[in-house]
Amino acid sequence: LLCISLILDPTGGKIVFDNQTIFQKNGWAGVDVRRIRREKIGFIFQ
């Protein structure tokens, strides 16, 4: 969940969110993850 929410860096693989590649192989794909998290993702904590 933390990787999906762009809070935690994955080690490998690919994340595509809203038709935009966010993470690929071993790094963020040149996107503003804080803006995406702030504007497009809602997180409900335990």
PDB file of all heavy atoms in Angstrom:
ATOM      1  N   LEU A   1       0.827  -1.204   0.000  1.00  0.00           N
ATOM      2  CA  LEU A   1       0.000   0.000   0.000  1.00  0.00           C
ATOM      3  C   LEU A   1       0.869   1.264   0.000  1.00  0.00           C
ATOM      4  O   LEU A   1       0.559   2.232  -0.697  1.00  0.00           O
ATOM      5  CB  LEU A   1      -0.913  -0.006   1.225  1.00  0.00           C
ATOM      6  CG  LEU A   1      -2.279   0.665   1.055  1.00  0.00           C
ATOM      7  CD1 LEU A   1      -3.116  -0.071   0.026  1.00  0.00           C
ATOM      8  CD2 LEU A   1      -3.013   0.708   2.397  1.00  0.00           C
ATOM      9  N   LEU A   2       1.953   1.250   0.738  1.00  0.00           N
ATOM     10  CA  LEU A   2       2.849   2.405   0.791  1.00  0.00           C
ATOM     11  C   LEU A   2       3.559   2.624  -0.539  1.00  0.00           C
ATOM     12  O   LEU A   2       3.827   3.765  -0.934  1.00  0.00           O
ATOM     13  CB  LEU A   2       3.867   2.237   1.924  1.00  0.00           C
ATOM     14  CG  LEU A   2       3.298   2.328   3.341  1.00  0.00           C
ATOM     15  CD1 LEU A   2       4.361   1.975   4.369  1.00  0.00           C
ATOM     16  CD2 LEU A   2       2.724   3.714   3.620  1.00  0.00           C
ATOM     17  N   CYS A   3       3.867   1.552  -1.250  1.00  0.00           N
ATOM     18  CA  CYS A   3       4.458   1.696  -2.595  1.00  0.00           C
ATOM     19  C   CYS A   3       3.431   2.247  -3.577  1.00  0.00           C
ATOM     20  O   CYS A   3       3.740   3.136  -4.384  1.00  0.00           O
ATOM     21  CB  CYS A   3       4.993   0.352  -3.092  1.00  0.00           C
ATOM     22  SG  CYS A   3       6.501  -0.217  -2.284  1.00  0.00           S
ATOM     23  N   ILE A   4       2.199   1.734  -3.509  1.00  0.00           N
ATOM     24  CA  ILE A   4       1.141   2.221  -4.391  1.00  0.00           C
ATOM     25  C   ILE A   4       0.861   3.698  -4.137  1.00  0.00           C
ATOM     26  O   ILE A   4       0.607   4.465  -5.072  1.00  0.00           O
ATOM     27  CB  ILE A   4      -0.146   1.388  -4.198  1.00  0.00           C
ATOM     28  CG1 ILE A   4       0.047  -0.051  -4.693  1.00  0.00           C
ATOM     29  CG2 ILE A   4      -1.321   2.030  -4.942  1.00  0.00           C
ATOM     30  CD1 ILE A   4      -1.109  -0.975  -4.363  1.00  0.00           C
ATOM     31  N   SER A   5       0.938   4.110  -2.875  1.00  0.00           N
ATOM     32  CA  SER A   5       0.648   5.497  -2.516  1.00  0.00           C
ATOM     33  C   SER A   5       1.818   6.428  -2.809  1.00  0.00           C
ATOM     34  O   SER A   5       1.731   7.636  -2.540  1.00  0.00           O
ATOM     35  CB  SER A   5       0.279   5.588  -1.031  1.00  0.00           C
ATOM     36  OG  SER A   5       1.382   5.237  -0.220  1.00  0.00           O
ATOM     37  N   LEU A   6       2.912   5.888  -3.331  1.00  0.00           N
ATOM     38  CA  LEU A   6       4.102   6.655  -3.701  1.00  0.00           C
ATOM     39  C   LEU A   6       4.803   7.251  -2.478  1.00  0.00           C
ATOM     40  O   LEU A   6       5.565   8.205  -2.589  1.00  0.00           O
ATOM     41  CB  LEU A   6       3.753   7.775  -4.697  1.00  0.00           C
ATOM     42  CG  LEU A   6       2.821   7.403  -5.858  1.00  0.00           C
ATOM     43  CD1 LEU A   6       2.611   8.598  -6.779  1.00  0.00           C
ATOM     44  CD2 LEU A   6       3.355   6.212  -6.626  1.00  0.00           C
ATOM     45  N   ILE A   7       4.556   6.656  -1.313  1.00  0.00           N
ATOM     46  CA  ILE A   7       5.238   7.073  -0.090  1.00  0.00           C
ATOM     47  C   ILE A   7       6.562   6.328   0.056  1.00  0.00           C
ATOM     48  O   ILE A   7       7.573   6.899   0.482  1.00  0.00           O
ATOM     49  CB  ILE A   7       4.337   6.818   1.140  1.00  0.00           C
ATOM     50  CG1 ILE A   7       3.116   7.752   1.111  1.00  0.00           C
ATOM     51  CG2 ILE A   7       5.113   7.000   2.442  1.00  0.00           C
ATOM     52  CD1 ILE A   7       2.090   7.466   2.192  1.00  0.00           C
ATOM     53  N   LEU A   8       6.562   5.058  -0.330  1.00  0.00           N
ATOM     54  CA  LEU A   8       7.744   4.195  -0.193  1.00  0.00           C
ATOM     55  C   LEU A   8       8.315   3.865  -1.567  1.00  0.00           C
ATOM     56  O   LEU A   8       7.566   3.516  -2.482  1.00  0.00           O
ATOM     57  CB  LEU A   8       7.346   2.904   0.535  1.00  0.00           C
ATOM     58  CG  LEU A   8       8.448   1.934   0.933  1.00  0.00           C
ATOM     59  CD1 LEU A   8       9.399   2.565   1.941  1.00  0.00           C
ATOM     60  CD2 LEU A   8       7.831   0.668   1.515  1.00  0.00           C
ATOM     61  N   ASP A   9       9.623   3.989  -1.718  1.00  0.00           N
ATOM     62  CA  ASP A   9      10.271   3.666  -2.992  1.00  0.00           C
ATOM     63  C   ASP A   9      10.312   2.157  -3.200  1.00  0.00           C
ATOM     64  O   ASP A   9      10.867   1.439  -2.356  1.00  0.00           O
ATOM     65  CB  ASP A   9      11.718   4.180  -3.016  1.00  0.00           C
ATOM     66  CG  ASP A   9      11.804   5.699  -3.003  1.00  0.00           C
ATOM     67  OD1 ASP A   9      10.782   6.347  -2.758  1.00  0.00           O
ATOM     68  OD2 ASP A   9      12.902   6.210  -3.248  1.00  0.00           O
ATOM     69  N   PRO A  10       9.759   1.639  -4.306  1.00  0.00           N
ATOM     70  CA  PRO A  10       9.950   0.221  -4.620  1.00  0.00           C
ATOM     71  C   PRO A  10      11.420  -0.053  -4.953  1.00  0.00           C
ATOM     72  O   PRO A  10      12.205   0.885  -5.180  1.00  0.00           O
ATOM     73  CB  PRO A  10       9.065   0.007  -5.852  1.00  0.00           C
ATOM     74  CG  PRO A  10       8.127   1.181  -5.882  1.00  0.00           C
ATOM     75  CD  PRO A  10       8.899   2.311  -5.289  1.00  0.00           C
ATOM     76  N   THR A  11      11.773  -1.311  -5.001  1.00  0.00           N
ATOM     77  CA  THR A  11      13.131  -1.702  -5.414  1.00  0.00           C
ATOM     78  C   THR A  11      13.181  -1.975  -6.906  1.00  0.00           C
ATOM     79  O   THR A  11      14.179  -1.706  -7.578  1.00  0.00           O
ATOM     80  CB  THR A  11      13.584  -2.943  -4.627  1.00  0.00           C
ATOM     81  OG1 THR A  11      13.531  -2.648  -3.229  1.00  0.00           O
ATOM     82  CG2 THR A  11      15.018  -3.328  -4.999  1.00  0.00           C
ATOM     83  N   GLY A  12      12.097  -2.495  -7.453  1.00  0.00           N
ATOM     84  CA  GLY A  12      12.046  -2.785  -8.877  1.00  0.00           C
ATOM     85  C   GLY A  12      10.614  -2.956  -9.345  1.00  0.00           C
ATOM     86  O   GLY A  12       9.678  -2.973  -8.549  1.00  0.00           O
ATOM     87  N   GLY A  13      10.439  -3.072 -10.659  1.00  0.00           N
ATOM     88  CA  GLY A  13       9.117  -3.235 -11.229  1.00  0.00           C
ATOM     89  C   GLY A  13       8.615  -1.963 -11.883  1.00  0.00           C
ATOM     90  O   GLY A  13       9.395  -1.065 -12.218  1.00  0.00           O
ATOM     91  N   LYS A  14       7.301  -1.879 -12.057  1.00  0.00           N
ATOM     92  CA  LYS A  14       6.702  -0.749 -12.767  1.00  0.00           C
ATOM     93  C   LYS A  14       5.370  -0.378 -12.138  1.00  0.00           C
ATOM     94  O   LYS A  14       4.572  -1.253 -11.785  1.00  0.00           O
ATOM     95  CB  LYS A  14       6.507  -1.114 -14.247  1.00  0.00           C
ATOM     96  CG  LYS A  14       5.998   0.008 -15.131  1.00  0.00           C
ATOM     97  CD  LYS A  14       5.940  -0.461 -16.593  1.00  0.00           C
ATOM     98  CE  LYS A  14       5.509   0.657 -17.528  1.00  0.00           C
ATOM     99  NZ  LYS A  14       5.481   0.208 -18.949  1.00  0.00           N
ATOM    100  N   ILE A  15       5.125   0.928 -12.009  1.00  0.00           N
ATOM    101  CA  ILE A  15       3.836   1.443 -11.551  1.00  0.00           C
ATOM    102  C   ILE A  15       3.319   2.432 -12.587  1.00  0.00           C
ATOM    103  O   ILE A  15       4.009   3.408 -12.922  1.00  0.00           O
ATOM    104  CB  ILE A  15       3.946   2.156 -10.192  1.00  0.00           C
ATOM    105  CG1 ILE A  15       4.461   1.214  -9.099  1.00  0.00           C
ATOM    106  CG2 ILE A  15       2.577   2.726  -9.778  1.00  0.00           C
ATOM    107  CD1 ILE A  15       4.696   1.903  -7.755  1.00  0.00           C
ATOM    108  N   VAL A  16       2.123   2.175 -13.112  1.00  0.00           N
ATOM    109  CA  VAL A  16       1.453   3.091 -14.029  1.00  0.00           C
ATOM    110  C   VAL A  16       0.184   3.551 -13.344  1.00  0.00           C
ATOM    111  O   VAL A  16      -0.657   2.746 -12.943  1.00  0.00           O
ATOM    112  CB  VAL A  16       1.120   2.416 -15.372  1.00  0.00           C
ATOM    113  CG1 VAL A  16       0.400   3.394 -16.292  1.00  0.00           C
ATOM    114  CG2 VAL A  16       2.384   1.895 -16.040  1.00  0.00           C
ATOM    115  N   PHE A  17       0.050   4.876 -13.170  1.00  0.00           N
ATOM    116  CA  PHE A  17      -1.112   5.440 -12.491  1.00  0.00           C
ATOM    117  C   PHE A  17      -1.752   6.508 -13.362  1.00  0.00           C
ATOM    118  O   PHE A  17      -1.078   7.425 -13.834  1.00  0.00           O
ATOM    119  CB  PHE A  17      -0.691   6.032 -11.136  1.00  0.00           C
ATOM    120  CG  PHE A  17      -1.807   6.709 -10.405  1.00  0.00           C
ATOM    121  CD1 PHE A  17      -2.938   6.010 -10.015  1.00  0.00           C
ATOM    122  CD2 PHE A  17      -1.747   8.066 -10.109  1.00  0.00           C
ATOM    123  CE1 PHE A  17      -3.970   6.637  -9.359  1.00  0.00           C
ATOM    124  CE2 PHE A  17      -2.774   8.700  -9.448  1.00  0.00           C
ATOM    125  CZ  PHE A  17      -3.895   7.982  -9.070  1.00  0.00           C
ATOM    126  N   ASP A  18      -3.042   6.364 -13.601  1.00  0.00           N
ATOM    127  CA  ASP A  18      -3.798   7.319 -14.411  1.00  0.00           C
ATOM    128  C   ASP A  18      -3.121   7.529 -15.774  1.00  0.00           C
ATOM    129  O   ASP A  18      -2.919   8.659 -16.217  1.00  0.00           O
ATOM    130  CB  ASP A  18      -3.934   8.644 -13.661  1.00  0.00           C
ATOM    131  CG  ASP A  18      -5.074   9.510 -14.196  1.00  0.00           C
ATOM    132  OD1 ASP A  18      -5.955   8.973 -14.884  1.00  0.00           O
ATOM    133  OD2 ASP A  18      -5.060  10.723 -13.912  1.00  0.00           O
ATOM    134  N   ASN A  19      -2.741   6.418 -16.400  1.00  0.00           N
ATOM    135  CA  ASN A  19      -2.118   6.396 -17.732  1.00  0.00           C
ATOM    136  C   ASN A  19      -0.747   7.073 -17.782  1.00  0.00           C
ATOM    137  O   ASN A  19      -0.279   7.463 -18.858  1.00  0.00           O
ATOM    138  CB  ASN A  19      -3.045   7.039 -18.782  1.00  0.00           C
ATOM    139  CG  ASN A  19      -4.324   6.263 -18.978  1.00  0.00           C
ATOM    140  OD1 ASN A  19      -4.300   5.034 -19.058  1.00  0.00           O
ATOM    141  ND2 ASN A  19      -5.450   6.950 -19.044  1.00  0.00           N
ATOM    142  N   GLN A  20      -0.098   7.196 -16.650  1.00  0.00           N
ATOM    143  CA  GLN A  20       1.230   7.802 -16.591  1.00  0.00           C
ATOM    144  C   GLN A  20       2.180   6.862 -15.854  1.00  0.00           C
ATOM    145  O   GLN A  20       1.861   6.388 -14.757  1.00  0.00           O
ATOM    146  CB  GLN A  20       1.169   9.149 -15.860  1.00  0.00           C
ATOM    147  CG  GLN A  20       2.493   9.892 -15.820  1.00  0.00           C
ATOM    148  CD  GLN A  20       2.346  11.264 -15.152  1.00  0.00           C
ATOM    149  OE1 GLN A  20       1.404  11.515 -14.408  1.00  0.00           O
ATOM    150  NE2 GLN A  20       3.282  12.149 -15.413  1.00  0.00           N
ATOM    151  N   THR A  21       3.333   6.577 -16.463  1.00  0.00           N
ATOM    152  CA  THR A  21       4.327   5.740 -15.800  1.00  0.00           C
ATOM    153  C   THR A  21       4.951   6.541 -14.663  1.00  0.00           C
ATOM    154  O   THR A  21       5.538   7.604 -14.869  1.00  0.00           O
ATOM    155  CB  THR A  21       5.423   5.286 -16.783  1.00  0.00           C
ATOM    156  OG1 THR A  21       4.818   4.494 -17.809  1.00  0.00           O
ATOM    157  CG2 THR A  21       6.474   4.454 -16.069  1.00  0.00           C
ATOM    158  N   ILE A  22       4.810   6.013 -13.452  1.00  0.00           N
ATOM    159  CA  ILE A  22       5.281   6.704 -12.254  1.00  0.00           C
ATOM    160  C   ILE A  22       6.631   6.159 -11.802  1.00  0.00           C
ATOM    161  O   ILE A  22       7.529   6.902 -11.427  1.00  0.00           O
ATOM    162  CB  ILE A  22       4.256   6.565 -11.112  1.00  0.00           C
ATOM    163  CG1 ILE A  22       2.882   7.047 -11.554  1.00  0.00           C
ATOM    164  CG2 ILE A  22       4.731   7.325  -9.872  1.00  0.00           C
ATOM    165  CD1 ILE A  22       2.828   8.492 -11.951  1.00  0.00           C
ATOM    166  N   PHE A  23       6.752   4.832 -11.837  1.00  0.00           N
ATOM    167  CA  PHE A  23       7.988   4.172 -11.411  1.00  0.00           C
ATOM    168  C   PHE A  23       8.337   3.101 -12.430  1.00  0.00           C
ATOM    169  O   PHE A  23       7.471   2.371 -12.902  1.00  0.00           O
ATOM    170  CB  PHE A  23       7.805   3.532 -10.026  1.00  0.00           C
ATOM    171  CG  PHE A  23       9.064   2.906  -9.470  1.00  0.00           C
ATOM    172  CD1 PHE A  23       9.927   3.636  -8.665  1.00  0.00           C
ATOM    173  CD2 PHE A  23       9.387   1.588  -9.762  1.00  0.00           C
ATOM    174  CE1 PHE A  23      11.089   3.065  -8.158  1.00  0.00           C
ATOM    175  CE2 PHE A  23      10.542   1.005  -9.268  1.00  0.00           C
ATOM    176  CZ  PHE A  23      11.390   1.752  -8.460  1.00  0.00           C
ATOM    177  N   GLN A  24       9.607   3.004 -12.761  1.00  0.00           N
ATOM    178  CA  GLN A  24      10.042   1.992 -13.726  1.00  0.00           C
ATOM    179  C   GLN A  24      11.434   1.508 -13.358  1.00  0.00           C
ATOM    180  O   GLN A  24      12.344   2.306 -13.125  1.00  0.00           O
ATOM    181  CB  GLN A  24      10.035   2.551 -15.140  1.00  0.00           C
ATOM    182  CG  GLN A  24      10.158   1.483 -16.217  1.00  0.00           C
ATOM    183  CD  GLN A  24       9.667   1.988 -17.572  1.00  0.00           C
ATOM    184  OE1 GLN A  24       9.520   3.179 -17.770  1.00  0.00           O
ATOM    185  NE2 GLN A  24       9.395   1.079 -18.488  1.00  0.00           N
ATOM    186  N   LYS A  25      11.561   0.192 -13.280  1.00  0.00           N
ATOM    187  CA  LYS A  25      12.820  -0.500 -12.970  1.00  0.00           C
ATOM    188  C   LYS A  25      13.351  -0.139 -11.594  1.00  0.00           C
ATOM    189  O   LYS A  25      13.115  -0.835 -10.627  1.00  0.00           O
ATOM    190  CB  LYS A  25      13.850  -0.249 -14.062  1.00  0.00           C
ATOM    191  CG  LYS A  25      13.472  -0.885 -15.395  1.00  0.00           C
ATOM    192  CD  LYS A  25      14.573  -0.704 -16.426  1.00  0.00           C
ATOM    193  CE  LYS A  25      14.166  -1.376 -17.727  1.00  0.00           C
ATOM    194  NZ  LYS A  25      15.188  -1.183 -18.793  1.00  0.00           N
ATOM    195  N   ASN A  26      14.096   0.933 -11.464  1.00  0.00           N
ATOM    196  CA  ASN A  26      14.672   1.247 -10.155  1.00  0.00           C
ATOM    197  C   ASN A  26      14.612   2.732  -9.809  1.00  0.00           C
ATOM    198  O   ASN A  26      15.461   3.252  -9.088  1.00  0.00           O
ATOM    199  CB  ASN A  26      16.128   0.766 -10.088  1.00  0.00           C
ATOM    200  CG  ASN A  26      16.990   1.405 -11.168  1.00  0.00           C
ATOM    201  OD1 ASN A  26      16.492   2.139 -12.006  1.00  0.00           O
ATOM    202  ND2 ASN A  26      18.276   1.111 -11.142  1.00  0.00           N
ATOM    203  N   GLY A  27      13.597   3.434 -10.335  1.00  0.00           N
ATOM    204  CA  GLY A  27      13.508   4.852  -9.998  1.00  0.00           C
ATOM    205  C   GLY A  27      12.211   5.487 -10.448  1.00  0.00           C
ATOM    206  O   GLY A  27      11.496   4.951 -11.304  1.00  0.00           O
ATOM    207  N   TRP A  28      11.895   6.637  -9.855  1.00  0.00           N
ATOM    208  CA  TRP A  28      10.717   7.403 -10.256  1.00  0.00           C
ATOM    209  C   TRP A  28      10.943   7.976 -11.651  1.00  0.00           C
ATOM    210  O   TRP A  28      12.045   8.409 -11.973  1.00  0.00           O
ATOM    211  CB  TRP A  28      10.453   8.534  -9.263  1.00  0.00           C
ATOM    212  CG  TRP A  28      10.226   8.034  -7.863  1.00  0.00           C
ATOM    213  CD1 TRP A  28      11.055   8.168  -6.795  1.00  0.00           C
ATOM    214  CD2 TRP A  28       9.099   7.273  -7.391  1.00  0.00           C
ATOM    215  NE1 TRP A  28      10.528   7.547  -5.692  1.00  0.00           N
ATOM    216  CE2 TRP A  28       9.322   6.996  -6.021  1.00  0.00           C
ATOM    217  CE3 TRP A  28       7.927   6.806  -7.984  1.00  0.00           C
ATOM    218  CZ2 TRP A  28       8.420   6.277  -5.239  1.00  0.00           C
ATOM    219  CZ3 TRP A  28       7.033   6.087  -7.214  1.00  0.00           C
ATOM    220  CH2 TRP A  28       7.278   5.840  -5.866  1.00  0.00           C
ATOM    221  N   ALA A  29       9.906   7.967 -12.456  1.00  0.00           N
ATOM    222  CA  ALA A  29      10.033   8.275 -13.884  1.00  0.00           C
ATOM    223  C   ALA A  29       9.917   9.771 -14.162  1.00  0.00           C
ATOM    224  O   ALA A  29       9.114  10.209 -14.991  1.00  0.00           O
ATOM    225  CB  ALA A  29       8.978   7.505 -14.679  1.00  0.00           C
ATOM    226  N   GLY A  30      10.705  10.577 -13.471  1.00  0.00           N
ATOM    227  CA  GLY A  30      10.737  12.014 -13.740  1.00  0.00           C
ATOM    228  C   GLY A  30       9.427  12.721 -13.504  1.00  0.00           C
ATOM    229  O   GLY A  30       9.096  13.680 -14.210  1.00  0.00           O
ATOM    230  N   VAL A  31       8.661  12.268 -12.502  1.00  0.00           N
ATOM    231  CA  VAL A  31       7.369  12.887 -12.200  1.00  0.00           C
ATOM    232  C   VAL A  31       7.411  13.464 -10.786  1.00  0.00           C
ATOM    233  O   VAL A  31       8.220  13.064  -9.951  1.00  0.00           O
ATOM    234  CB  VAL A  31       6.207  11.872 -12.312  1.00  0.00           C
ATOM    235  CG1 VAL A  31       6.061  11.391 -13.738  1.00  0.00           C
ATOM    236  CG2 VAL A  31       6.425  10.695 -11.364  1.00  0.00           C
ATOM    237  N   ASP A  32       6.518  14.396 -10.524  1.00  0.00           N
ATOM    238  CA  ASP A  32       6.411  14.995  -9.204  1.00  0.00           C
ATOM    239  C   ASP A  32       5.480  14.123  -8.361  1.00  0.00           C
ATOM    240  O   ASP A  32       4.262  14.302  -8.369  1.00  0.00           O
ATOM    241  CB  ASP A  32       5.859  16.421  -9.330  1.00  0.00           C
ATOM    242  CG  ASP A  32       5.849  17.171  -8.006  1.00  0.00           C
ATOM    243  OD1 ASP A  32       5.965  16.518  -6.951  1.00  0.00           O
ATOM    244  OD2 ASP A  32       5.706  18.411  -8.042  1.00  0.00           O
ATOM    245  N   VAL A  33       6.072  13.160  -7.650  1.00  0.00           N
ATOM    246  CA  VAL A  33       5.253  12.203  -6.905  1.00  0.00           C
ATOM    247  C   VAL A  33       4.480  12.875  -5.772  1.00  0.00           C
ATOM    248  O   VAL A  33       3.365  12.454  -5.431  1.00  0.00           O
ATOM    249  CB  VAL A  33       6.095  11.035  -6.359  1.00  0.00           C
ATOM    250  CG1 VAL A  33       6.656  10.206  -7.497  1.00  0.00           C
ATOM    251  CG2 VAL A  33       7.207  11.519  -5.449  1.00  0.00           C
ATOM    252  N   ARG A  34       5.038  13.927  -5.188  1.00  0.00           N
ATOM    253  CA  ARG A  34       4.326  14.627  -4.119  1.00  0.00           C
ATOM    254  C   ARG A  34       3.050  15.279  -4.651  1.00  0.00           C
ATOM    255  O   ARG A  34       2.013  15.253  -4.000  1.00  0.00           O
ATOM    256  CB  ARG A  34       5.229  15.686  -3.488  1.00  0.00           C
ATOM    257  CG  ARG A  34       6.380  15.104  -2.670  1.00  0.00           C
ATOM    258  CD  ARG A  34       7.194  16.199  -2.020  1.00  0.00           C
ATOM    259  NE  ARG A  34       8.291  15.650  -1.242  1.00  0.00           N
ATOM    260  CZ  ARG A  34       9.179  16.388  -0.602  1.00  0.00           C
ATOM    261  NH1 ARG A  34       9.092  17.723  -0.658  1.00  0.00           N
ATOM    262  NH2 ARG A  34      10.150  15.821   0.092  1.00  0.00           N
ATOM    263  N   ARG A  35       3.134  15.860  -5.845  1.00  0.00           N
ATOM    264  CA  ARG A  35       1.957  16.489  -6.437  1.00  0.00           C
ATOM    265  C   ARG A  35       0.892  15.448  -6.758  1.00  0.00           C
ATOM    266  O   ARG A  35      -0.300  15.653  -6.483  1.00  0.00           O
ATOM    267  CB  ARG A  35       2.340  17.254  -7.707  1.00  0.00           C
ATOM    268  CG  ARG A  35       1.155  17.972  -8.362  1.00  0.00           C
ATOM    269  CD  ARG A  35       1.542  18.576  -9.695  1.00  0.00           C
ATOM    270  NE  ARG A  35       1.955  17.573 -10.651  1.00  0.00           N
ATOM    271  CZ  ARG A  35       1.102  16.802 -11.334  1.00  0.00           C
ATOM    272  NH1 ARG A  35      -0.212  16.917 -11.145  1.00  0.00           N
ATOM    273  NH2 ARG A  35       1.561  15.909 -12.191  1.00  0.00           N
ATOM    274  N   ILE A  36       1.318  14.323  -7.331  1.00  0.00           N
ATOM    275  CA  ILE A  36       0.369  13.255  -7.672  1.00  0.00           C
ATOM    276  C   ILE A  36      -0.303  12.739  -6.406  1.00  0.00           C
ATOM    277  O   ILE A  36      -1.525  12.553  -6.361  1.00  0.00           O
ATOM    278  CB  ILE A  36       1.082  12.112  -8.417  1.00  0.00           C
ATOM    279  CG1 ILE A  36       1.551  12.599  -9.787  1.00  0.00           C
ATOM    280  CG2 ILE A  36       0.162  10.897  -8.558  1.00  0.00           C
ATOM    281  CD1 ILE A  36       2.455  11.630 -10.503  1.00  0.00           C
ATOM    282  N   ARG A  37       0.499  12.524  -5.376  1.00  0.00           N
ATOM    283  CA  ARG A  37      -0.046  12.030  -4.109  1.00  0.00           C
ATOM    284  C   ARG A  37      -1.011  13.046  -3.505  1.00  0.00           C
ATOM    285  O   ARG A  37      -2.071  12.689  -2.992  1.00  0.00           O
ATOM    286  CB  ARG A  37       1.111  11.733  -3.158  1.00  0.00           C
ATOM    287  CG  ARG A  37       0.718  10.951  -1.921  1.00  0.00           C
ATOM    288  CD  ARG A  37       1.950  10.398  -1.215  1.00  0.00           C
ATOM    289  NE  ARG A  37       2.847  11.435  -0.767  1.00  0.00           N
ATOM    290  CZ  ARG A  37       4.131  11.510  -1.071  1.00  0.00           C
ATOM    291  NH1 ARG A  37       4.675  10.611  -1.863  1.00  0.00           N
ATOM    292  NH2 ARG A  37       4.890  12.476  -0.602  1.00  0.00           N
ATOM    293  N   ARG A  38      -0.666  14.313  -3.586  1.00  0.00           N
ATOM    294  CA  ARG A  38      -1.474  15.381  -2.991  1.00  0.00           C
ATOM    295  C   ARG A  38      -2.791  15.582  -3.744  1.00  0.00           C
ATOM    296  O   ARG A  38      -3.823  15.846  -3.135  1.00  0.00           O
ATOM    297  CB  ARG A  38      -0.659  16.679  -2.997  1.00  0.00           C
ATOM    298  CG  ARG A  38      -1.311  17.864  -2.300  1.00  0.00           C
ATOM    299  CD  ARG A  38      -0.344  19.022  -2.179  1.00  0.00           C
ATOM    300  NE  ARG A  38       0.080  19.538  -3.486  1.00  0.00           N
ATOM    301  CZ  ARG A  38       1.330  19.536  -3.934  1.00  0.00           C
ATOM    302  NH1 ARG A  38       2.295  19.001  -3.210  1.00  0.00           N
ATOM    303  NH2 ARG A  38       1.622  20.041  -5.123  1.00  0.00           N
ATOM    304  N   GLU A  39      -2.744  15.435  -5.080  1.00  0.00           N
ATOM    305  CA  GLU A  39      -3.899  15.788  -5.916  1.00  0.00           C
ATOM    306  C   GLU A  39      -4.753  14.602  -6.355  1.00  0.00           C
ATOM    307  O   GLU A  39      -5.922  14.798  -6.719  1.00  0.00           O
ATOM    308  CB  GLU A  39      -3.409  16.540  -7.158  1.00  0.00           C
ATOM    309  CG  GLU A  39      -2.755  17.884  -6.832  1.00  0.00           C
ATOM    310  CD  GLU A  39      -2.268  18.611  -8.069  1.00  0.00           C
ATOM    311  OE1 GLU A  39      -2.453  18.074  -9.189  1.00  0.00           O
ATOM    312  OE2 GLU A  39      -1.709  19.712  -7.927  1.00  0.00           O
ATOM    313  N   LYS A  40      -4.208  13.385  -6.319  1.00  0.00           N
ATOM    314  CA  LYS A  40      -4.946  12.268  -6.919  1.00  0.00           C
ATOM    315  C   LYS A  40      -5.135  11.044  -6.034  1.00  0.00           C
ATOM    316  O   LYS A  40      -5.869  10.130  -6.405  1.00  0.00           O
ATOM    317  CB  LYS A  40      -4.232  11.821  -8.209  1.00  0.00           C
ATOM    318  CG  LYS A  40      -4.205  12.880  -9.304  1.00  0.00           C
ATOM    319  CD  LYS A  40      -3.598  12.320 -10.583  1.00  0.00           C
ATOM    320  CE  LYS A  40      -3.620  13.347 -11.707  1.00  0.00           C
ATOM    321  NZ  LYS A  40      -3.099  12.784 -12.978  1.00  0.00           N
ATOM    322  N   ILE A  41      -4.472  11.018  -4.871  1.00  0.00           N
ATOM    323  CA  ILE A  41      -4.528   9.838  -4.011  1.00  0.00           C
ATOM    324  C   ILE A  41      -5.007  10.230  -2.621  1.00  0.00           C
ATOM    325  O   ILE A  41      -4.565  11.224  -2.052  1.00  0.00           O
ATOM    326  CB  ILE A  41      -3.144   9.161  -3.912  1.00  0.00           C
ATOM    327  CG1 ILE A  41      -2.689   8.673  -5.296  1.00  0.00           C
ATOM    328  CG2 ILE A  41      -3.184   7.976  -2.937  1.00  0.00           C
ATOM    329  CD1 ILE A  41      -1.273   8.123  -5.326  1.00  0.00           C
ATOM    330  N   GLY A  42      -5.942   9.448  -2.082  1.00  0.00           N
ATOM    331  CA  GLY A  42      -6.397   9.642  -0.711  1.00  0.00           C
ATOM    332  C   GLY A  42      -5.979   8.450   0.132  1.00  0.00           C
ATOM    333  O   GLY A  42      -6.088   7.305  -0.317  1.00  0.00           O
ATOM    334  N   PHE A  43      -5.491   8.709   1.350  1.00  0.00           N
ATOM    335  CA  PHE A  43      -5.001   7.628   2.213  1.00  0.00           C
ATOM    336  C   PHE A  43      -5.756   7.664   3.531  1.00  0.00           C
ATOM    337  O   PHE A  43      -5.827   8.702   4.192  1.00  0.00           O
ATOM    338  CB  PHE A  43      -3.497   7.801   2.467  1.00  0.00           C
ATOM    339  CG  PHE A  43      -2.787   6.524   2.834  1.00  0.00           C
ATOM    340  CD1 PHE A  43      -1.920   5.919   1.942  1.00  0.00           C
ATOM    341  CD2 PHE A  43      -2.993   5.916   4.056  1.00  0.00           C
ATOM    342  CE1 PHE A  43      -1.271   4.737   2.269  1.00  0.00           C
ATOM    343  CE2 PHE A  43      -2.354   4.731   4.395  1.00  0.00           C
ATOM    344  CZ  PHE A  43      -1.488   4.143   3.493  1.00  0.00           C
ATOM    345  N   ILE A  44      -6.309   6.507   3.907  1.00  0.00           N
ATOM    346  CA  ILE A  44      -7.016   6.369   5.178  1.00  0.00           C
ATOM    347  C   ILE A  44      -6.177   5.475   6.084  1.00  0.00           C
ATOM    348  O   ILE A  44      -5.927   4.314   5.764  1.00  0.00           O
ATOM    349  CB  ILE A  44      -8.414   5.748   4.968  1.00  0.00           C
ATOM    350  CG1 ILE A  44      -9.234   6.608   4.002  1.00  0.00           C
ATOM    351  CG2 ILE A  44      -9.141   5.605   6.304  1.00  0.00           C
ATOM    352  CD1 ILE A  44     -10.458   5.901   3.454  1.00  0.00           C
ATOM    353  N   PHE A  45      -5.754   6.022   7.206  1.00  0.00           N
ATOM    354  CA  PHE A  45      -4.862   5.301   8.108  1.00  0.00           C
ATOM    355  C   PHE A  45      -5.645   4.494   9.134  1.00  0.00           C
ATOM    356  O   PHE A  45      -6.778   4.809   9.471  1.00  0.00           O
ATOM    357  CB  PHE A  45      -3.938   6.286   8.834  1.00  0.00           C
ATOM    358  CG  PHE A  45      -3.033   7.070   7.933  1.00  0.00           C
ATOM    359  CD1 PHE A  45      -3.449   8.282   7.407  1.00  0.00           C
ATOM    360  CD2 PHE A  45      -1.776   6.603   7.594  1.00  0.00           C
ATOM    361  CE1 PHE A  45      -2.623   9.026   6.574  1.00  0.00           C
ATOM    362  CE2 PHE A  45      -0.946   7.328   6.760  1.00  0.00           C
ATOM    363  CZ  PHE A  45      -1.370   8.539   6.249  1.00  0.00           C
ATOM    364  N   GLN A  46      -4.984   3.477   9.666  1.00  0.00           N
ATOM    365  CA  GLN A  46      -5.602   2.625  10.678  1.00  0.00           C
ATOM    366  C   GLN A  46      -5.973   3.425  11.931  1.00  0.00           C
ATOM    367  O   GLN A  46      -7.023   3.223  12.519  1.00  0.00           O
ATOM    368  CB  GLN A  46      -4.631   1.505  11.058  1.00  0.00           C
ATOM    369  CG  GLN A  46      -5.123   0.585  12.148  1.00  0.00           C
ATOM    370  CD  GLN A  46      -4.142  -0.525  12.430  1.00  0.00           C
ATOM    371  OE1 GLN A  46      -3.356  -0.917  11.572  1.00  0.00           O
ATOM    372  NE2 GLN A  46      -4.156  -1.050  13.637  1.00  0.00           N
TER     373      GLN A  46
END
